[in-house]
């Protein structure tokens, strides 16, 4: 871990040096050549820069806690508790995610030119990861032509449909798995997730491909089912993440202001919790009802000694339990650790995908109950819950397989959602895909016209105004509503 932290700092410093060097004009470039300072940034450092950009954006304040966090029913902002829209912030989110993808594409091409297939593969994995997250927020996005400015001079890349983006992502992840089979080259100092462990990157690539296929499995089962069957039917060729030690997490150094974990950077210190970003009623209420032992890990008791999340609805600012003293803060592990983590994907989600695939008959064979139990156990262990606590929880009426009023499929999906705490874009995607849990508490400003949290992010103003290829058939209503995302097949939602 010490080496990972040192490498992270080195990567950030190199990128800063690059930015400085690029400020020089062309006329001065030859005069100012420094033989002790390379003019080209190594592709591993570019890759590392992409990781820090995407982690800071997806798992930072605005998307991670405020927007997707709120819309997933897991976190909330007390006070107004609204779905505040700011033009500048919205544009920055879009720009940063595409900047990260540009970094990954650049490191991929440079690595391939050098014959380093391992670095090229992990760059492709992260580009695909970022594309999925971006398209799951906005829907149709520029992708196939988005990074061809230098090569083909494309200034106005076309918007690929969400389905087309998913098709390309699946292809890229399969290609990455093949490239990693060759095992040529080192990933280098920029690998802040697995520190150069190729076998773990393979697991991440196939797990991500499995997740993409499951996300589209209802709207396009003909395309999804073969992918799921291929991966789950051949674990030797397509290994996946099954243990927490293989989680795709980026741990932050925590040694300087700009190197501490993003949630902690916003929320403050654990000894004096004052920030307005807190937990959401929908998450806390479910954990309380289910006697979930993760509750004290996910949240703190409020100032009056009990757990309570901020509840959305008409007149929410006047709800007695929505006051500062009554809303629980985010737990230390997730929000108040300088050396905390940014979670790209974890093992428990893979087990729940396996469970859903078996329960829905998307694959032949497999034991849905076994996978479900393994998913819960893995999620609990990640949060340091004792085996006794896990065993007790598994016997609960709302948890035990085949008991209570919930179907087994609903239980699988609910446990997956609970295990995605801090993976806010993923949790938001899952509630839109499955309607589990059913989130009917909508912010005051939107509750009169809508019965679910937002469907999508609003396209940035600059993209609409300056990309001549921006589609003219986009329907956006009340900023965050309008057309449902391609794989969002829910009926009766608005």
Foldseek 3Di string as FASTA:
>chain_A
DVLLQVLLVVLVVLVVVQVVLVVDDPVCNVVPDDPVRDNDDQLLSLLLVLVVLVLCLLLFDPNLQDALCVQLQWKFFFDQRANDDDQVVLVVSVVSLLSSLLSLVVSLVVCVVVVALLLNLLSLLVNLLSLLLACQFAFWAFDPCSNCCVPPNDPFGFTDGNVVSLVVSLVSLVVSLVSLVVVGHFSDSSPQFPRGDSVLSLQSSLLVSLVSLLLQCVVCVVVSLVSNQVQVVCCVSRPHAAAQVSFRKGWFPLPDLVGFRNLQNPQDAPVDGDGRMATGQVLQVVCVVLVPPCNLQQWPAFQVGHAGAQFADAVSSVPPCSDRRNHIHGHCQSHHGRGHIRGSGGNLLSLLSQLLCVVVVSYPDDDNQVSLLSSQVNLCVVSVHDPVSSVVSCPTQLRDAPHDDDHPNLNSLQSSLSSCNSSSSVSSSSCLLPVRPPDQRHHNVCNVPWRHYFQHAADRPCSVPPNPNPDPPDADDPRRHGDHHSNRPDPPGD
